[in-house]
C-alpha atoms as a PDB file:
ATOM      1  CA  UNK A   1      39.876 -72.632 -77.868  1.00  0.00           C
ATOM      2  CA  UNK A   2      41.171 -69.553 -76.160  1.00  0.00           C
ATOM      3  CA  UNK A   3      41.765 -69.183 -72.435  1.00  0.00           C
ATOM      4  CA  UNK A   4      39.551 -66.766 -70.661  1.00  0.00           C
ATOM      5  CA  UNK A   5      41.450 -63.705 -69.561  1.00  0.00           C
ATOM      6  CA  UNK A   6      41.910 -63.381 -65.790  1.00  0.00           C
ATOM      7  CA  UNK A   7      41.703 -60.099 -63.995  1.00  0.00           C
ATOM      8  CA  UNK A   8      44.802 -59.748 -61.871  1.00  0.00           C
ATOM      9  CA  UNK A   9      42.981 -57.421 -59.383  1.00  0.00           C
ATOM     10  CA  UNK A  10      40.102 -59.819 -58.779  1.00  0.00           C
ATOM     11  CA  UNK A  11      39.909 -61.086 -55.170  1.00  0.00           C
ATOM     12  CA  UNK A  12      40.267 -64.798 -54.553  1.00  0.00           C
ATOM     13  CA  UNK A  13      37.117 -66.858 -54.944  1.00  0.00           C
ATOM     14  CA  UNK A  14      38.088 -69.436 -52.329  1.00  0.00           C
ATOM     15  CA  UNK A  15      38.796 -68.813 -48.602  1.00  0.00           C
ATOM     16  CA  UNK A  16      41.796 -70.603 -47.209  1.00  0.00           C
ATOM     17  CA  UNK A  17      41.240 -71.555 -43.579  1.00  0.00           C
ATOM     18  CA  UNK A  18      44.214 -72.023 -41.307  1.00  0.00           C
ATOM     19  CA  UNK A  19      43.835 -75.056 -39.116  1.00  0.00           C
ATOM     20  CA  UNK A  20      45.533 -74.844 -35.714  1.00  0.00           C
ATOM     21  CA  UNK A  21      48.524 -76.907 -35.247  1.00  0.00           C
ATOM     22  CA  UNK A  22      47.928 -80.222 -33.547  1.00  0.00           C
ATOM     23  CA  UNK A  23      49.365 -81.087 -30.161  1.00  0.00           C
ATOM     24  CA  UNK A  24      52.758 -82.622 -29.986  1.00  0.00           C
ATOM     25  CA  UNK A  25      53.067 -86.252 -29.455  1.00  0.00           C
ATOM     26  CA  UNK A  26      53.140 -86.052 -25.642  1.00  0.00           C
ATOM     27  CA  UNK A  27      50.153 -83.743 -24.716  1.00  0.00           C
ATOM     28  CA  UNK A  28      50.869 -80.802 -22.410  1.00  0.00           C
ATOM     29  CA  UNK A  29      49.713 -81.382 -18.867  1.00  0.00           C
ATOM     30  CA  UNK A  30      46.750 -79.198 -17.619  1.00  0.00           C
ATOM     31  CA  UNK A  31      47.470 -77.964 -14.113  1.00  0.00           C
ATOM     32  CA  UNK A  32      44.430 -77.328 -11.825  1.00  0.00           C
ATOM     33  CA  UNK A  33      44.384 -75.860  -8.355  1.00  0.00           C
ATOM     34  CA  UNK A  34      42.791 -77.941  -5.665  1.00  0.00           C
ATOM     35  CA  UNK A  35      39.021 -77.446  -5.528  1.00  0.00           C
ATOM     36  CA  UNK A  36      37.749 -75.071  -2.779  1.00  0.00           C
ATOM     37  CA  UNK A  37      34.512 -73.255  -1.944  1.00  0.00           C
ATOM     38  CA  UNK A  38      33.960 -69.683  -3.187  1.00  0.00           C
ATOM     39  CA  UNK A  39      33.333 -67.208  -0.374  1.00  0.00           C
ATOM     40  CA  UNK A  40      30.659 -64.489  -0.413  1.00  0.00           C
ATOM     41  CA  UNK A  41      33.305 -61.785  -0.614  1.00  0.00           C
ATOM     42  CA  UNK A  42      34.795 -63.334  -3.726  1.00  0.00           C
ATOM     43  CA  UNK A  43      31.315 -63.598  -5.242  1.00  0.00           C
ATOM     44  CA  UNK A  44      30.680 -59.872  -4.601  1.00  0.00           C
ATOM     45  CA  UNK A  45      34.031 -59.004  -6.119  1.00  0.00           C
ATOM     46  CA  UNK A  46      33.285 -61.022  -9.239  1.00  0.00           C
ATOM     47  CA  UNK A  47      29.927 -59.227  -9.794  1.00  0.00           C
ATOM     48  CA  UNK A  48      30.310 -56.897 -12.751  1.00  0.00           C
ATOM     49  CA  UNK A  49      27.445 -54.383 -13.151  1.00  0.00           C
ATOM     50  CA  UNK A  50      25.932 -54.303 -16.613  1.00  0.00           C
ATOM     51  CA  UNK A  51      26.604 -51.382 -18.893  1.00  0.00           C
ATOM     52  CA  UNK A  52      23.370 -49.396 -18.632  1.00  0.00           C
ATOM     53  CA  UNK A  53      23.053 -46.059 -20.367  1.00  0.00           C
ATOM     54  CA  UNK A  54      20.951 -43.244 -18.980  1.00  0.00           C
ATOM     55  CA  UNK A  55      20.244 -41.933 -22.481  1.00  0.00           C
ATOM     56  CA  UNK A  56      19.875 -44.944 -24.790  1.00  0.00           C
ATOM     57  CA  UNK A  57      17.630 -47.973 -24.456  1.00  0.00           C
ATOM     58  CA  UNK A  58      17.382 -49.386 -27.979  1.00  0.00           C
ATOM     59  CA  UNK A  59      15.902 -52.715 -26.916  1.00  0.00           C
ATOM     60  CA  UNK A  60      13.303 -51.088 -24.684  1.00  0.00           C
ATOM     61  CA  UNK A  61      14.193 -53.057 -21.578  1.00  0.00           C
ATOM     62  CA  UNK A  62      12.581 -52.235 -18.260  1.00  0.00           C
ATOM     63  CA  UNK A  63      15.567 -51.462 -16.056  1.00  0.00           C
ATOM     64  CA  UNK A  64      15.061 -51.181 -12.280  1.00  0.00           C
ATOM     65  CA  UNK A  65      16.060 -47.928 -10.638  1.00  0.00           C
ATOM     66  CA  UNK A  66      18.615 -49.514  -8.354  1.00  0.00           C
ATOM     67  CA  UNK A  67      20.405 -51.009 -11.371  1.00  0.00           C
ATOM     68  CA  UNK A  68      20.254 -47.716 -13.213  1.00  0.00           C
ATOM     69  CA  UNK A  69      21.717 -45.877 -10.207  1.00  0.00           C
ATOM     70  CA  UNK A  70      24.374 -48.513  -9.689  1.00  0.00           C
ATOM     71  CA  UNK A  71      25.478 -48.183 -13.293  1.00  0.00           C
ATOM     72  CA  UNK A  72      27.052 -44.741 -12.853  1.00  0.00           C
ATOM     73  CA  UNK A  73      29.011 -45.810  -9.798  1.00  0.00           C
ATOM     74  CA  UNK A  74      27.625 -43.244  -7.406  1.00  0.00           C
ATOM     75  CA  UNK A  75      27.205 -45.881  -4.729  1.00  0.00           C
ATOM     76  CA  UNK A  76      30.948 -46.479  -4.724  1.00  0.00           C
ATOM     77  CA  UNK A  77      31.661 -42.912  -3.571  1.00  0.00           C
ATOM     78  CA  UNK A  78      31.801 -42.049   0.100  1.00  0.00           C
ATOM     79  CA  UNK A  79      29.894 -38.950   1.241  1.00  0.00           C
ATOM     80  CA  UNK A  80      32.097 -36.680   3.322  1.00  0.00           C
ATOM     81  CA  UNK A  81      30.678 -33.820   5.391  1.00  0.00           C
ATOM     82  CA  UNK A  82      32.822 -30.787   5.974  1.00  0.00           C
ATOM     83  CA  UNK A  83      33.784 -30.035   9.564  1.00  0.00           C
ATOM     84  CA  UNK A  84      32.824 -26.393   9.142  1.00  0.00           C
ATOM     85  CA  UNK A  85      29.137 -27.343   9.376  1.00  0.00           C
ATOM     86  CA  UNK A  86      29.610 -28.549  12.924  1.00  0.00           C
ATOM     87  CA  UNK A  87      31.598 -25.423  13.775  1.00  0.00           C
ATOM     88  CA  UNK A  88      28.829 -23.216  12.372  1.00  0.00           C
ATOM     89  CA  UNK A  89      26.113 -25.020  14.335  1.00  0.00           C
ATOM     90  CA  UNK A  90      28.139 -24.739  17.552  1.00  0.00           C
ATOM     91  CA  UNK A  91      28.717 -21.014  16.961  1.00  0.00           C
ATOM     92  CA  UNK A  92      24.992 -20.427  16.348  1.00  0.00           C
ATOM     93  CA  UNK A  93      24.080 -22.331  19.495  1.00  0.00           C
ATOM     94  CA  UNK A  94      26.575 -20.322  21.563  1.00  0.00           C
ATOM     95  CA  UNK A  95      25.288 -17.018  20.130  1.00  0.00           C
ATOM     96  CA  UNK A  96      21.695 -18.016  20.897  1.00  0.00           C
ATOM     97  CA  UNK A  97      22.580 -18.916  24.479  1.00  0.00           C
ATOM     98  CA  UNK A  98      24.489 -15.643  24.939  1.00  0.00           C
ATOM     99  CA  UNK A  99      21.580 -13.589  23.543  1.00  0.00           C
ATOM    100  CA  UNK A 100      19.130 -15.339  25.864  1.00  0.00           C
ATOM    101  CA  UNK A 101      21.346 -14.578  28.841  1.00  0.00           C
ATOM    102  CA  UNK A 102      21.578 -10.909  27.856  1.00  0.00           C
ATOM    103  CA  UNK A 103      17.801 -10.640  27.482  1.00  0.00           C
ATOM    104  CA  UNK A 104      17.361 -12.257  30.881  1.00  0.00           C
ATOM    105  CA  UNK A 105      19.860  -9.873  32.491  1.00  0.00           C
ATOM    106  CA  UNK A 106      18.131  -6.853  30.947  1.00  0.00           C
ATOM    107  CA  UNK A 107      14.759  -8.062  32.198  1.00  0.00           C
ATOM    108  CA  UNK A 108      16.165  -8.524  35.710  1.00  0.00           C
ATOM    109  CA  UNK A 109      17.736  -5.059  35.632  1.00  0.00           C
ATOM    110  CA  UNK A 110      14.458  -3.539  34.449  1.00  0.00           C
ATOM    111  CA  UNK A 111      12.585  -5.267  37.258  1.00  0.00           C
ATOM    112  CA  UNK A 112      15.135  -4.052  39.808  1.00  0.00           C
ATOM    113  CA  UNK A 113      14.860  -0.459  38.571  1.00  0.00           C
ATOM    114  CA  UNK A 114      11.065  -0.618  38.658  1.00  0.00           C
ATOM    115  CA  UNK A 115      11.165  -2.050  42.190  1.00  0.00           C
ATOM    116  CA  UNK A 116      13.608   0.626  43.304  1.00  0.00           C
ATOM    117  CA  UNK A 117      11.492   3.390  41.806  1.00  0.00           C
ATOM    118  CA  UNK A 118       8.419   1.956  43.490  1.00  0.00           C
ATOM    119  CA  UNK A 119      10.188   1.846  46.853  1.00  0.00           C
ATOM    120  CA  UNK A 120      11.365   5.448  46.464  1.00  0.00           C
ATOM    121  CA  UNK A 121       7.847   6.553  45.596  1.00  0.00           C
ATOM    122  CA  UNK A 122       6.415   4.733  48.602  1.00  0.00           C
ATOM    123  CA  UNK A 123       9.095   6.251  50.821  1.00  0.00           C
ATOM    124  CA  UNK A 124       8.301   9.727  49.497  1.00  0.00           C
ATOM    125  CA  UNK A 125       4.591   9.212  50.102  1.00  0.00           C
ATOM    126  CA  UNK A 126       5.326   7.861  53.570  1.00  0.00           C
ATOM    127  CA  UNK A 127       7.404  10.933  54.410  1.00  0.00           C
ATOM    128  CA  UNK A 128       4.675  13.243  53.145  1.00  0.00           C
ATOM    129  CA  UNK A 129       2.077  11.405  55.218  1.00  0.00           C
ATOM    130  CA  UNK A 130       4.335  11.574  58.295  1.00  0.00           C
ATOM    131  CA  UNK A 131       4.850  15.283  57.763  1.00  0.00           C
ATOM    132  CA  UNK A 132       1.111  15.855  57.425  1.00  0.00           C
ATOM    133  CA  UNK A 133       0.431  13.902  60.625  1.00  0.00           C
ATOM    134  CA  UNK A 134       3.074  15.883  62.496  1.00  0.00           C
ATOM    135  CA  UNK A 135       1.612  19.164  61.278  1.00  0.00           C
ATOM    136  CA  UNK A 136      -1.857  18.113  62.402  1.00  0.00           C
ATOM    137  CA  UNK A 137      -0.544  16.944  65.758  1.00  0.00           C
ATOM    138  CA  UNK A 138       1.231  20.282  66.319  1.00  0.00           C
ATOM    139  CA  UNK A 139       4.642  18.819  66.930  1.00  0.00           C
ATOM    140  CA  UNK A 140       7.425  21.373  67.226  1.00  0.00           C
ATOM    141  CA  UNK A 141       9.666  22.051  64.316  1.00  0.00           C
ATOM    142  CA  UNK A 142      12.586  20.352  66.024  1.00  0.00           C
ATOM    143  CA  UNK A 143      12.277  17.453  63.700  1.00  0.00           C
ATOM    144  CA  UNK A 144      11.621  19.762  60.786  1.00  0.00           C
ATOM    145  CA  UNK A 145      15.279  19.835  59.848  1.00  0.00           C
ATOM    146  CA  UNK A 146      15.272  16.220  58.716  1.00  0.00           C
ATOM    147  CA  UNK A 147      12.061  16.632  56.733  1.00  0.00           C
ATOM    148  CA  UNK A 148      13.430  19.845  55.208  1.00  0.00           C
ATOM    149  CA  UNK A 149      16.532  17.994  54.069  1.00  0.00           C
ATOM    150  CA  UNK A 150      14.375  15.288  52.532  1.00  0.00           C
ATOM    151  CA  UNK A 151      12.227  17.889  50.756  1.00  0.00           C
ATOM    152  CA  UNK A 152      15.345  19.667  49.503  1.00  0.00           C
ATOM    153  CA  UNK A 153      16.753  16.410  48.129  1.00  0.00           C
ATOM    154  CA  UNK A 154      13.418  15.712  46.442  1.00  0.00           C
ATOM    155  CA  UNK A 155      13.381  19.180  44.835  1.00  0.00           C
ATOM    156  CA  UNK A 156      16.944  18.655  43.609  1.00  0.00           C
ATOM    157  CA  UNK A 157      16.002  15.298  42.094  1.00  0.00           C
ATOM    158  CA  UNK A 158      12.979  16.878  40.400  1.00  0.00           C
ATOM    159  CA  UNK A 159      15.132  19.681  38.972  1.00  0.00           C
ATOM    160  CA  UNK A 160      17.623  17.097  37.697  1.00  0.00           C
ATOM    161  CA  UNK A 161      14.802  15.169  36.035  1.00  0.00           C
ATOM    162  CA  UNK A 162      13.555  18.384  34.419  1.00  0.00           C
ATOM    163  CA  UNK A 163      17.027  19.106  33.039  1.00  0.00           C
ATOM    164  CA  UNK A 164      17.322  15.559  31.706  1.00  0.00           C
ATOM    165  CA  UNK A 165      13.919  15.923  30.028  1.00  0.00           C
ATOM    166  CA  UNK A 166      14.953  19.207  28.409  1.00  0.00           C
ATOM    167  CA  UNK A 167      18.164  17.650  27.105  1.00  0.00           C
ATOM    168  CA  UNK A 168      16.200  14.733  25.656  1.00  0.00           C
ATOM    169  CA  UNK A 169      13.821  17.106  23.870  1.00  0.00           C
ATOM    170  CA  UNK A 170      16.768  19.077  22.482  1.00  0.00           C
ATOM    171  CA  UNK A 171      18.392  15.877  21.216  1.00  0.00           C
ATOM    172  CA  UNK A 172      15.092  14.819  19.617  1.00  0.00           C
ATOM    173  CA  UNK A 173      14.731  18.163  17.837  1.00  0.00           C
ATOM    174  CA  UNK A 174      18.294  17.999  16.556  1.00  0.00           C
ATOM    175  CA  UNK A 175      17.758  14.443  15.302  1.00  0.00           C
ATOM    176  CA  UNK A 176      14.611  15.509  13.438  1.00  0.00           C
ATOM    177  CA  UNK A 177      16.507  18.419  11.898  1.00  0.00           C
ATOM    178  CA  UNK A 178      19.301  16.098  10.743  1.00  0.00           C
ATOM    179  CA  UNK A 179      16.765  13.686   9.243  1.00  0.00           C
ATOM    180  CA  UNK A 180      15.106  16.565   7.397  1.00  0.00           C
ATOM    181  CA  UNK A 181      18.455  17.749   6.009  1.00  0.00           C
ATOM    182  CA  UNK A 182      19.286  14.190   4.942  1.00  0.00           C
ATOM    183  CA  UNK A 183      15.969  13.856   3.102  1.00  0.00           C
ATOM    184  CA  UNK A 184      16.560  17.192   1.380  1.00  0.00           C
ATOM    185  CA  UNK A 185      20.009  16.058   0.276  1.00  0.00           C
ATOM    186  CA  UNK A 186      18.516  12.872  -1.176  1.00  0.00           C
ATOM    187  CA  UNK A 187      15.816  14.739  -3.098  1.00  0.00           C
ATOM    188  CA  UNK A 188      16.118  15.813  -6.697  1.00  0.00           C
ATOM    189  CA  UNK A 189      16.387  19.437  -7.736  1.00  0.00           C
ATOM    190  CA  UNK A 190      12.739  19.719  -8.762  1.00  0.00           C
ATOM    191  CA  UNK A 191      11.378  18.001  -5.654  1.00  0.00           C
ATOM    192  CA  UNK A 192      13.627  20.108  -3.392  1.00  0.00           C
ATOM    193  CA  UNK A 193      12.366  23.304  -5.020  1.00  0.00           C
ATOM    194  CA  UNK A 194       8.736  22.243  -4.558  1.00  0.00           C
ATOM    195  CA  UNK A 195       9.362  21.258  -0.938  1.00  0.00           C
ATOM    196  CA  UNK A 196      11.083  24.548  -0.082  1.00  0.00           C
ATOM    197  CA  UNK A 197       8.358  26.559  -1.813  1.00  0.00           C
ATOM    198  CA  UNK A 198       5.736  24.701   0.180  1.00  0.00           C
ATOM    199  CA  UNK A 199       7.618  25.145   3.457  1.00  0.00           C
ATOM    200  CA  UNK A 200       8.092  28.889   2.962  1.00  0.00           C
ATOM    201  CA  UNK A 201       4.355  29.586   3.094  1.00  0.00           C
ATOM    202  CA  UNK A 202       3.704  27.460   6.177  1.00  0.00           C
ATOM    203  CA  UNK A 203       4.321  30.140   8.806  1.00  0.00           C
ATOM    204  CA  UNK A 204       1.400  32.586   8.563  1.00  0.00           C
ATOM    205  CA  UNK A 205       1.761  34.190  11.992  1.00  0.00           C
ATOM    206  CA  UNK A 206       3.017  37.412  10.381  1.00  0.00           C
ATOM    207  CA  UNK A 207       0.085  37.437   7.960  1.00  0.00           C
ATOM    208  CA  UNK A 208      -2.333  36.925  10.828  1.00  0.00           C
ATOM    209  CA  UNK A 209      -0.745  39.809  12.740  1.00  0.00           C
ATOM    210  CA  UNK A 210      -1.098  42.074   9.693  1.00  0.00           C
ATOM    211  CA  UNK A 211      -4.641  40.884   9.005  1.00  0.00           C
ATOM    212  CA  UNK A 212      -3.779  39.492   5.571  1.00  0.00           C
ATOM    213  CA  UNK A 213      -4.599  35.853   6.256  1.00  0.00           C
ATOM    214  CA  UNK A 214      -7.975  34.789   4.956  1.00  0.00           C
ATOM    215  CA  UNK A 215      -9.635  31.869   6.742  1.00  0.00           C
ATOM    216  CA  UNK A 216     -10.938  28.965   4.747  1.00  0.00           C
ATOM    217  CA  UNK A 217     -14.640  29.091   4.119  1.00  0.00           C
ATOM    218  CA  UNK A 218     -16.629  26.593   6.094  1.00  0.00           C
ATOM    219  CA  UNK A 219     -19.105  24.223   4.528  1.00  0.00           C
ATOM    220  CA  UNK A 220     -22.028  26.258   5.865  1.00  0.00           C
ATOM    221  CA  UNK A 221     -20.978  29.378   3.955  1.00  0.00           C
ATOM    222  CA  UNK A 222     -20.264  27.548   0.701  1.00  0.00           C
ATOM    223  CA  UNK A 223     -23.966  27.199  -0.145  1.00  0.00           C
ATOM    224  CA  UNK A 224     -26.755  29.724  -0.405  1.00  0.00           C
ATOM    225  CA  UNK A 225     -29.098  29.411   2.566  1.00  0.00           C
ATOM    226  CA  UNK A 226     -32.036  30.447   0.388  1.00  0.00           C
ATOM    227  CA  UNK A 227     -31.837  27.099  -1.403  1.00  0.00           C
ATOM    228  CA  UNK A 228     -32.728  25.173   1.742  1.00  0.00           C
ATOM    229  CA  UNK A 229     -36.021  24.766   3.625  1.00  0.00           C
ATOM    230  CA  UNK A 230     -38.200  25.568   0.646  1.00  0.00           C
ATOM    231  CA  UNK A 231     -41.845  24.543   0.721  1.00  0.00           C
ATOM    232  CA  UNK A 232     -41.871  23.729  -3.002  1.00  0.00           C
ATOM    233  CA  UNK A 233     -40.179  20.863  -4.793  1.00  0.00           C
ATOM    234  CA  UNK A 234     -40.544  17.111  -4.632  1.00  0.00           C
ATOM    235  CA  UNK A 235     -41.056  17.150  -0.855  1.00  0.00           C
ATOM    236  CA  UNK A 236     -44.230  19.194  -1.196  1.00  0.00           C
ATOM    237  CA  UNK A 237     -45.952  16.333  -3.045  1.00  0.00           C
ATOM    238  CA  UNK A 238     -47.223  15.829  -6.581  1.00  0.00           C
ATOM    239  CA  UNK A 239     -50.352  17.392  -7.916  1.00  0.00           C
ATOM    240  CA  UNK A 240     -53.418  15.674  -9.248  1.00  0.00           C
ATOM    241  CA  UNK A 241     -53.091  13.975 -12.634  1.00  0.00           C
ATOM    242  CA  UNK A 242     -56.245  15.639 -13.955  1.00  0.00           C
ATOM    243  CA  UNK A 243     -55.201  19.132 -12.891  1.00  0.00           C
ATOM    244  CA  UNK A 244     -54.631  21.311 -15.928  1.00  0.00           C
ATOM    245  CA  UNK A 245     -52.658  24.240 -14.527  1.00  0.00           C
ATOM    246  CA  UNK A 246     -49.838  24.463 -17.021  1.00  0.00           C
ATOM    247  CA  UNK A 247     -50.672  28.102 -17.727  1.00  0.00           C
ATOM    248  CA  UNK A 248     -51.809  29.101 -14.258  1.00  0.00           C
ATOM    249  CA  UNK A 249     -49.964  32.442 -14.416  1.00  0.00           C
ATOM    250  CA  UNK A 250     -49.939  35.061 -17.194  1.00  0.00           C
ATOM    251  CA  UNK A 251     -46.840  35.138 -19.341  1.00  0.00           C
ATOM    252  CA  UNK A 252     -46.293  38.896 -19.166  1.00  0.00           C
ATOM    253  CA  UNK A 253     -47.390  40.050 -15.731  1.00  0.00           C
ATOM    254  CA  UNK A 254     -46.776  43.495 -14.276  1.00  0.00           C
ATOM    255  CA  UNK A 255     -45.163  46.448 -16.023  1.00  0.00           C
ATOM    256  CA  UNK A 256     -43.661  44.336 -18.819  1.00  0.00           C
ATOM    257  CA  UNK A 257     -47.072  43.729 -20.429  1.00  0.00           C
ATOM    258  CA  UNK A 258     -47.570  47.418 -21.223  1.00  0.00           C
ATOM    259  CA  UNK A 259     -44.199  47.868 -22.897  1.00  0.00           C
ATOM    260  CA  UNK A 260     -43.866  44.579 -24.725  1.00  0.00           C
ATOM    261  CA  UNK A 261     -44.663  46.059 -28.148  1.00  0.00           C
ATOM    262  CA  UNK A 262     -43.059  49.441 -27.569  1.00  0.00           C
ATOM    263  CA  UNK A 263     -39.480  50.209 -28.601  1.00  0.00           C
ATOM    264  CA  UNK A 264     -36.885  51.375 -26.131  1.00  0.00           C
ATOM    265  CA  UNK A 265     -35.315  54.790 -26.362  1.00  0.00           C
ATOM    266  CA  UNK A 266     -31.725  53.598 -26.282  1.00  0.00           C
ATOM    267  CA  UNK A 267     -32.131  51.459 -29.404  1.00  0.00           C
ATOM    268  CA  UNK A 268     -30.808  52.648 -32.724  1.00  0.00           C
ATOM    269  CA  UNK A 269     -33.277  54.486 -34.938  1.00  0.00           C
ATOM    270  CA  UNK A 270     -32.178  52.453 -37.978  1.00  0.00           C
ATOM    271  CA  UNK A 271     -34.067  49.483 -36.588  1.00  0.00           C
ATOM    272  CA  UNK A 272     -37.363  51.347 -37.171  1.00  0.00           C
ATOM    273  CA  UNK A 273     -36.822  52.448 -40.748  1.00  0.00           C
ATOM    274  CA  UNK A 274     -35.015  55.682 -39.986  1.00  0.00           C
ATOM    275  CA  UNK A 275     -37.525  56.984 -37.428  1.00  0.00           C
ATOM    276  CA  UNK A 276     -37.089  57.379 -33.703  1.00  0.00           C
ATOM    277  CA  UNK A 277     -38.995  55.737 -30.856  1.00  0.00           C
ATOM    278  CA  UNK A 278     -41.405  58.674 -30.422  1.00  0.00           C
ATOM    279  CA  UNK A 279     -42.590  58.504 -34.020  1.00  0.00           C
ATOM    280  CA  UNK A 280     -43.128  54.771 -33.698  1.00  0.00           C
ATOM    281  CA  UNK A 281     -45.226  55.257 -30.546  1.00  0.00           C
ATOM    282  CA  UNK A 282     -47.290  57.886 -32.338  1.00  0.00           C
ATOM    283  CA  UNK A 283     -47.915  55.518 -35.232  1.00  0.00           C
ATOM    284  CA  UNK A 284     -49.000  52.782 -32.860  1.00  0.00           C
ATOM    285  CA  UNK A 285     -51.471  55.059 -31.089  1.00  0.00           C
ATOM    286  CA  UNK A 286     -53.277  55.915 -34.360  1.00  0.00           C
ATOM    287  CA  UNK A 287     -56.353  53.682 -34.680  1.00  0.00           C
ATOM    288  CA  UNK A 288     -56.521  53.206 -38.435  1.00  0.00           C
ATOM    289  CA  UNK A 289     -58.537  49.987 -38.446  1.00  0.00           C
ATOM    290  CA  UNK A 290     -60.830  50.566 -35.467  1.00  0.00           C
ATOM    291  CA  UNK A 291     -59.153  48.106 -33.166  1.00  0.00           C
ATOM    292  CA  UNK A 292     -60.167  49.934 -29.997  1.00  0.00           C
ATOM    293  CA  UNK A 293     -63.831  50.036 -31.029  1.00  0.00           C
ATOM    294  CA  UNK A 294     -64.591  46.625 -29.547  1.00  0.00           C
ATOM    295  CA  UNK A 295     -67.381  44.168 -30.194  1.00  0.00           C
ATOM    296  CA  UNK A 296     -71.088  44.602 -29.767  1.00  0.00           C
ATOM    297  CA  UNK A 297     -72.156  43.791 -26.235  1.00  0.00           C
ATOM    298  CA  UNK A 298     -68.611  43.792 -24.917  1.00  0.00           C
ATOM    299  CA  UNK A 299     -67.299  45.922 -22.077  1.00  0.00           C
ATOM    300  CA  UNK A 300     -65.704  48.937 -23.756  1.00  0.00           C
ATOM    301  CA  UNK A 301     -64.907  50.791 -20.556  1.00  0.00           C
ATOM    302  CA  UNK A 302     -61.687  48.863 -20.095  1.00  0.00           C
ATOM    303  CA  UNK A 303     -58.899  49.813 -22.486  1.00  0.00           C
ATOM    304  CA  UNK A 304     -56.273  47.244 -23.387  1.00  0.00           C
ATOM    305  CA  UNK A 305     -52.598  48.212 -23.086  1.00  0.00           C
ATOM    306  CA  UNK A 306     -50.913  44.831 -23.502  1.00  0.00           C
ATOM    307  CA  UNK A 307     -51.491  41.722 -25.563  1.00  0.00           C
ATOM    308  CA  UNK A 308     -54.856  40.030 -25.977  1.00  0.00           C
ATOM    309  CA  UNK A 309     -56.147  38.386 -22.805  1.00  0.00           C
ATOM    310  CA  UNK A 310     -58.560  35.461 -22.879  1.00  0.00           C
ATOM    311  CA  UNK A 311     -61.081  34.538 -20.250  1.00  0.00           C
ATOM    312  CA  UNK A 312     -61.519  31.031 -18.993  1.00  0.00           C
ATOM    313  CA  UNK A 313     -64.732  29.329 -20.097  1.00  0.00           C
ATOM    314  CA  UNK A 314     -67.217  27.796 -17.764  1.00  0.00           C
ATOM    315  CA  UNK A 315     -66.683  24.224 -16.716  1.00  0.00           C
ATOM    316  CA  UNK A 316     -70.024  22.974 -18.165  1.00  0.00           C
ATOM    317  CA  UNK A 317     -71.541  25.523 -20.579  1.00  0.00           C
ATOM    318  CA  UNK A 318     -74.179  23.113 -21.986  1.00  0.00           C
ATOM    319  CA  UNK A 319     -75.229  21.520 -18.690  1.00  0.00           C
ATOM    320  CA  UNK A 320     -74.094  18.082 -19.780  1.00  0.00           C
ATOM    321  CA  UNK A 321     -72.723  17.121 -16.370  1.00  0.00           C
ATOM    322  CA  UNK A 322     -75.974  18.131 -14.695  1.00  0.00           C
ATOM    323  CA  UNK A 323     -77.894  15.982 -17.167  1.00  0.00           C
ATOM    324  CA  UNK A 324     -75.767  12.950 -16.341  1.00  0.00           C
ATOM    325  CA  UNK A 325     -76.221  13.492 -12.609  1.00  0.00           C
ATOM    326  CA  UNK A 326     -79.989  13.639 -13.009  1.00  0.00           C
ATOM    327  CA  UNK A 327     -79.963  10.497 -15.130  1.00  0.00           C
ATOM    328  CA  UNK A 328     -78.034   8.630 -12.460  1.00  0.00           C
ATOM    329  CA  UNK A 329     -80.536   9.674  -9.805  1.00  0.00           C
ATOM    330  CA  UNK A 330     -83.434   8.389 -11.953  1.00  0.00           C
ATOM    331  CA  UNK A 331     -85.482  11.604 -12.107  1.00  0.00           C
ATOM    332  CA  UNK A 332     -87.077  12.694 -15.415  1.00  0.00           C
ATOM    333  CA  UNK A 333     -87.443  16.262 -16.527  1.00  0.00           C
ATOM    334  CA  UNK A 334     -90.979  17.545 -17.385  1.00  0.00           C
ATOM    335  CA  UNK A 335     -92.910  14.952 -15.332  1.00  0.00           C
ATOM    336  CA  UNK A 336     -95.067  15.737 -12.349  1.00  0.00           C
ATOM    337  CA  UNK A 337     -94.006  13.689  -9.392  1.00  0.00           C
ATOM    338  CA  UNK A 338     -97.253  14.391  -7.489  1.00  0.00           C
ATOM    339  CA  UNK A 339     -99.350  12.529 -10.090  1.00  0.00           C
ATOM    340  CA  UNK A 340     -97.141   9.500  -9.955  1.00  0.00           C
ATOM    341  CA  UNK A 341     -97.396   9.400  -6.176  1.00  0.00           C
ATOM    342  CA  UNK A 342    -101.270   9.602  -6.309  1.00  0.00           C
ATOM    343  CA  UNK A 343    -101.438   6.765  -8.843  1.00  0.00           C
ATOM    344  CA  UNK A 344     -99.261   4.612  -6.634  1.00  0.00           C
ATOM    345  CA  UNK A 345    -101.591   5.245  -3.669  1.00  0.00           C
ATOM    346  CA  UNK A 346    -104.696   4.272  -5.709  1.00  0.00           C
ATOM    347  CA  UNK A 347    -103.107   1.023  -6.791  1.00  0.00           C
ATOM    348  CA  UNK A 348    -102.394   0.232  -3.191  1.00  0.00           C
ATOM    349  CA  UNK A 349    -106.100   0.578  -2.260  1.00  0.00           C
ATOM    350  CA  UNK A 350    -107.271  -1.951  -4.818  1.00  0.00           C
END
């Protein structure tokens, strides 16, 4: 028999447990504090919130929101408000109160000025009425000095108002000019050039003085008056459907019918085979085929200069319409109506 070789690196097959050492012969005394009740404060201090993650919930537990919020410890922090908020609110309130007071003062001042102006106007009207009454009553001009002074003061005030108005208009014009210059400075080069070119042709007083300005045509002169108030057109009404008047007028009427087949003198002679217009007219006048002879029984007194003209036929050459009218009336051709009447009378006697 041979012993089985043992691997020196093999771990042990048996686990050796260490047993705690036993107590000494006299056991150690266990010291306990005297029993006492636990207060609510101690209970709250001993509460340890569970470790709840806001991202992982492997078990799928339903966690209340208050527990989830208490897990991150946000309830333990005290919210502190900055003192600057109160300062800002107080400053806004003070500014609002100050603005209201200013608006109220301006309104009072405006009312006072309006009242003062009204009183001055009434006083002026009263003085004018007093002066008119005195003039009607014929009072001497002893008291005219006071009224003259009042009138002089009124004229001075009016002149001052006129000067103030002129200064205001001058300031307004200067402000508009400055605004125009500012807009020009803000424009681009192309827009400024277009604006200046447009402004240069605005003043046409010189052109009007020289008679070069042409007024814009009105709407009345833009259309031909001959196009209006015509009796023909759609307003005149439509014609009858059975009317056949497509060719109611001859195609070549007037002097054009006589020269329709004759060449013009200014045309080139090459168009007529080398001959001129006179030779062509001479050839046309020669009656080689007896065209001008006419038909038997026709009117040969009238000579034709233009194209062939046709005459309109009669409306009912065969009397067909007359035959239909007679048939509708019930009368028969070739019968004697007197005999029929006599036979009817004989039948009545029997």
